[in-house]
Amino acid sequence: MSTVYLIRHGMTEANEKHLYCGSTDLPLSEAGIAALRELHYDIKSAVFLTSGMQRAEQTLELLFGSVPHRQEPRLREMDFGSFELRGYAELKNDPAYQDWITGDNERKVTPGGESGRQMQQRAFEAFFELYPPAQDTVIVTHGGIISAIMAHLFPQEAKTRYQWQPAPGHGYAITQDHYGPIP
C-alpha cells in the first residue's frame, strides 16, 4: 500500500508576522530554514511534487536534497487578493475584510482573490488525480491545501480546516485506510 505525504512548507516572514500570504511567492525566512534543517524524514523512494512556489521548492530541497520532482500549480495556497501580506491589525476596520470574515468565508471571495471553495476545488482536482498513488508520493505544499484535503478525506474527525493545519515543515502520512503525523 502506497502512502501520500503532505508536508507544509517551512516558515516565511509572512508566517512570522501573521500576515495573509497565499499567492505571493515568498522565500523561506532564516528561522524557517534553520527549523527545516532540524527535521529528518526517512522517505527514501517516492514521487515528489511541489506547488512550484519558492517556499515549497526550498522546503523540498532542504528536506530531501536535489530530487527530481514535478510542480503542480493547482496545489498553491489560496489567493487572498487585496488581503495579501496584510494582517488582522491592519485589516480589522476594512469593511471588505469584515464582510469576508463574517458568515460563510468559505464561499465568500476575497477582493481580487478567491474563496476557500475555489481553492479547495482546484486542490482536490490535482490531489485526486494521483490518489490513491501507485507509489509513495511526497507533496510539499501549503497549510490551507493540506487542511482542506485532510478535512475532506476524514470528515468523521469533525475538525475544521484550521484544526488540520500542520506546523511549518510538518504534515501527514495518508494511506487508503489511515492517516497520522509523518513518522
Protein backbone atom coordinates (compact mmCIF):
# COMPACT_ATOMS: atom_id res chain seq x y z
CA MET A 1 0.00 0.00 0.00
CA SER A 2 1.41 3.37 -1.02
CA THR A 3 1.49 6.48 1.13
CA VAL A 4 0.92 10.14 0.34
CA TYR A 5 2.94 12.51 2.48
CA LEU A 6 1.51 16.03 2.72
CA ILE A 7 4.19 18.39 4.03
CA ARG A 8 3.68 22.06 4.71
CA HIS A 9 6.42 24.42 3.53
CA GLY A 10 8.73 25.97 6.09
CA MET A 11 8.21 29.29 7.84
CA THR A 12 8.24 32.55 5.88
CA GLU A 13 8.47 36.13 7.10
CA ALA A 14 4.73 36.46 6.40
CA ASN A 15 4.05 33.47 8.69
CA GLU A 16 6.19 35.02 11.40
CA LYS A 17 4.27 38.30 11.15
CA HIS A 18 0.85 36.58 10.94
CA LEU A 19 0.08 38.02 7.51
CA TYR A 20 -2.21 36.52 4.89
CA CYS A 21 0.06 35.02 2.28
CA GLY A 22 -1.22 32.80 -0.46
CA SER A 23 -0.38 33.86 -3.98
CA THR A 24 2.64 35.97 -3.05
CA ASP A 25 5.73 33.95 -3.93
CA LEU A 26 7.88 34.41 -0.82
CA PRO A 27 11.05 32.54 0.12
CA LEU A 28 11.60 30.87 3.46
CA SER A 29 12.77 33.04 6.34
CA GLU A 30 16.11 32.41 8.05
CA ALA A 31 14.23 30.94 11.02
CA GLY A 32 12.26 28.73 8.63
CA ILE A 33 15.43 27.44 7.02
CA ALA A 34 17.02 26.73 10.40
CA ALA A 35 13.92 24.86 11.62
CA LEU A 36 13.79 22.70 8.49
CA ARG A 37 17.45 21.75 8.88
CA GLU A 38 16.49 20.18 12.23
CA LEU A 39 13.91 17.87 10.61
CA HIS A 40 14.71 14.47 9.16
CA TYR A 41 12.22 12.40 7.21
CA ASP A 42 13.02 8.80 6.42
CA ILE A 43 11.42 8.70 2.98
CA LYS A 44 13.80 7.07 0.54
CA SER A 45 11.93 6.40 -2.66
CA ALA A 46 8.95 8.46 -3.75
CA VAL A 47 7.45 10.65 -6.41
CA PHE A 48 7.96 14.28 -5.35
CA LEU A 49 5.67 17.22 -6.11
CA THR A 50 5.57 20.84 -5.00
CA SER A 51 3.20 23.72 -5.58
CA GLY A 52 6.01 25.38 -7.52
CA MET A 53 6.23 28.34 -5.16
CA GLN A 54 9.64 29.35 -3.74
CA ARG A 55 8.78 28.36 -0.19
CA ALA A 56 7.71 24.87 -1.28
CA GLU A 57 10.70 24.41 -3.59
CA GLN A 58 13.13 25.46 -0.85
CA THR A 59 11.43 23.16 1.66
CA LEU A 60 11.73 20.18 -0.68
CA GLU A 61 15.42 20.90 -1.24
CA LEU A 62 16.16 21.29 2.48
CA LEU A 63 14.28 18.14 3.49
CA PHE A 64 15.13 15.80 0.61
CA GLY A 65 18.00 17.31 -1.37
CA SER A 66 18.01 17.77 -5.14
CA VAL A 67 15.43 15.16 -6.03
CA PRO A 68 13.63 15.08 -9.37
CA HIS A 69 10.15 16.47 -8.89
CA ARG A 70 7.14 17.92 -10.61
CA GLN A 71 5.40 21.22 -9.93
CA GLU A 72 1.63 21.28 -9.63
CA PRO A 73 0.33 24.90 -9.52
CA ARG A 74 -3.17 23.79 -8.53
CA LEU A 75 -1.67 22.93 -5.13
CA ARG A 76 -0.82 26.58 -4.42
CA GLU A 77 -2.26 28.31 -1.37
CA MET A 78 -5.46 30.35 -1.53
CA ASP A 79 -5.18 33.72 -3.26
CA PHE A 80 -6.12 36.31 -0.62
CA GLY A 81 -6.35 39.10 -3.21
CA SER A 82 -6.15 42.56 -1.67
CA PHE A 83 -5.62 41.00 1.78
CA GLU A 84 -2.25 39.52 0.70
CA LEU A 85 0.65 40.42 3.01
CA ARG A 86 -1.69 42.21 5.40
CA GLY A 87 -2.64 41.15 8.90
CA TYR A 88 -5.67 41.42 11.13
CA ALA A 89 -4.47 44.60 12.86
CA GLU A 90 -4.29 46.38 9.50
CA LEU A 91 -7.49 44.89 8.09
CA LYS A 92 -9.84 44.80 11.09
CA ASN A 93 -11.60 48.07 10.19
CA ASP A 94 -11.77 47.38 6.44
CA PRO A 95 -15.45 46.77 5.50
CA ALA A 96 -14.46 44.28 2.76
CA TYR A 97 -12.43 42.30 5.27
CA GLN A 98 -15.20 42.37 7.87
CA ASP A 99 -17.62 41.12 5.23
CA TRP A 100 -15.26 38.30 4.30
CA ILE A 101 -14.54 37.06 7.84
CA THR A 102 -18.17 37.14 8.97
CA GLY A 103 -20.56 34.45 7.88
CA ASP A 104 -19.52 31.83 5.34
CA ASN A 105 -15.97 32.87 4.39
CA GLU A 106 -15.54 29.52 2.63
CA ARG A 107 -17.90 30.76 -0.05
CA LYS A 108 -17.06 34.45 0.02
CA VAL A 109 -14.45 35.60 -2.45
CA THR A 110 -11.68 37.87 -1.21
CA PRO A 111 -11.47 41.14 -3.21
CA GLY A 112 -9.26 40.33 -6.19
CA GLY A 113 -8.66 36.79 -4.92
CA GLU A 114 -10.61 33.59 -4.48
CA SER A 115 -12.86 31.83 -1.99
CA GLY A 116 -11.95 28.87 0.17
CA ARG A 117 -14.24 26.72 -2.01
CA GLN A 118 -12.47 27.80 -5.19
CA MET A 119 -9.11 26.91 -3.63
CA GLN A 120 -10.46 23.56 -2.48
CA GLN A 121 -11.89 22.71 -5.89
CA ARG A 122 -8.59 23.20 -7.73
CA ALA A 123 -6.63 21.44 -4.98
CA PHE A 124 -9.00 18.47 -4.95
CA GLU A 125 -8.76 18.15 -8.74
CA ALA A 126 -4.98 17.91 -8.52
CA PHE A 127 -4.90 15.65 -5.45
CA PHE A 128 -7.49 13.16 -6.63
CA GLU A 129 -5.76 12.73 -9.98
CA LEU A 130 -2.98 10.99 -8.07
CA TYR A 131 -4.81 9.44 -5.11
CA PRO A 132 -4.51 6.64 -4.28
CA PRO A 133 -0.98 6.67 -5.64
CA ALA A 134 0.75 3.81 -7.39
CA GLN A 135 3.84 4.53 -5.29
CA ASP A 136 4.77 6.67 -2.30
CA THR A 137 4.25 10.35 -3.07
CA VAL A 138 5.57 13.41 -1.24
CA ILE A 139 3.70 16.67 -1.79
CA VAL A 140 5.28 19.84 -0.41
CA THR A 141 2.52 22.41 -0.38
CA HIS A 142 0.69 24.88 1.88
CA GLY A 143 -1.24 24.75 5.13
CA GLY A 144 -4.57 25.66 3.57
CA ILE A 145 -4.24 22.98 0.90
CA ILE A 146 -3.25 20.28 3.40
CA SER A 147 -6.01 21.15 5.84
CA ALA A 148 -8.66 21.20 3.07
CA ILE A 149 -7.57 17.75 1.85
CA MET A 150 -7.48 16.31 5.37
CA ALA A 151 -10.91 17.72 6.29
CA HIS A 152 -12.33 16.25 3.08
CA LEU A 153 -10.74 12.80 3.49
CA PHE A 154 -11.52 12.45 7.20
CA PRO A 155 -14.87 14.15 7.89
CA GLN A 156 -15.55 11.77 10.78
CA GLU A 157 -12.89 13.69 12.74
CA ALA A 158 -15.16 16.77 12.69
CA LYS A 159 -12.15 19.09 12.59
CA THR A 160 -12.14 22.44 10.83
CA ARG A 161 -9.55 23.29 8.21
CA TYR A 162 -7.79 25.38 10.84
CA GLN A 163 -7.55 22.42 13.22
CA TRP A 164 -6.00 20.26 10.49
CA GLN A 165 -3.31 22.80 9.57
CA PRO A 166 0.13 21.35 10.38
CA ALA A 167 3.09 23.35 11.65
CA PRO A 168 5.59 24.53 9.02
CA GLY A 169 7.74 21.63 7.82
CA HIS A 170 5.32 19.05 9.21
CA GLY A 171 2.32 17.24 7.84
CA TYR A 172 0.52 13.94 7.47
CA ALA A 173 1.11 10.50 6.04
CA ILE A 174 -2.01 9.09 4.38
CA THR A 175 -2.73 5.55 3.28
CA GLN A 176 -6.11 4.45 1.96
CA ASP A 177 -7.29 3.46 5.42
CA HIS A 178 -5.19 5.53 7.81
CA TYR A 179 -3.60 8.88 8.43
CA GLY A 180 -1.24 10.25 11.03
CA PRO A 181 1.68 12.58 11.61
CA ILE A 182 4.67 11.76 9.47
CA PRO A 183 6.84 9.34 11.46
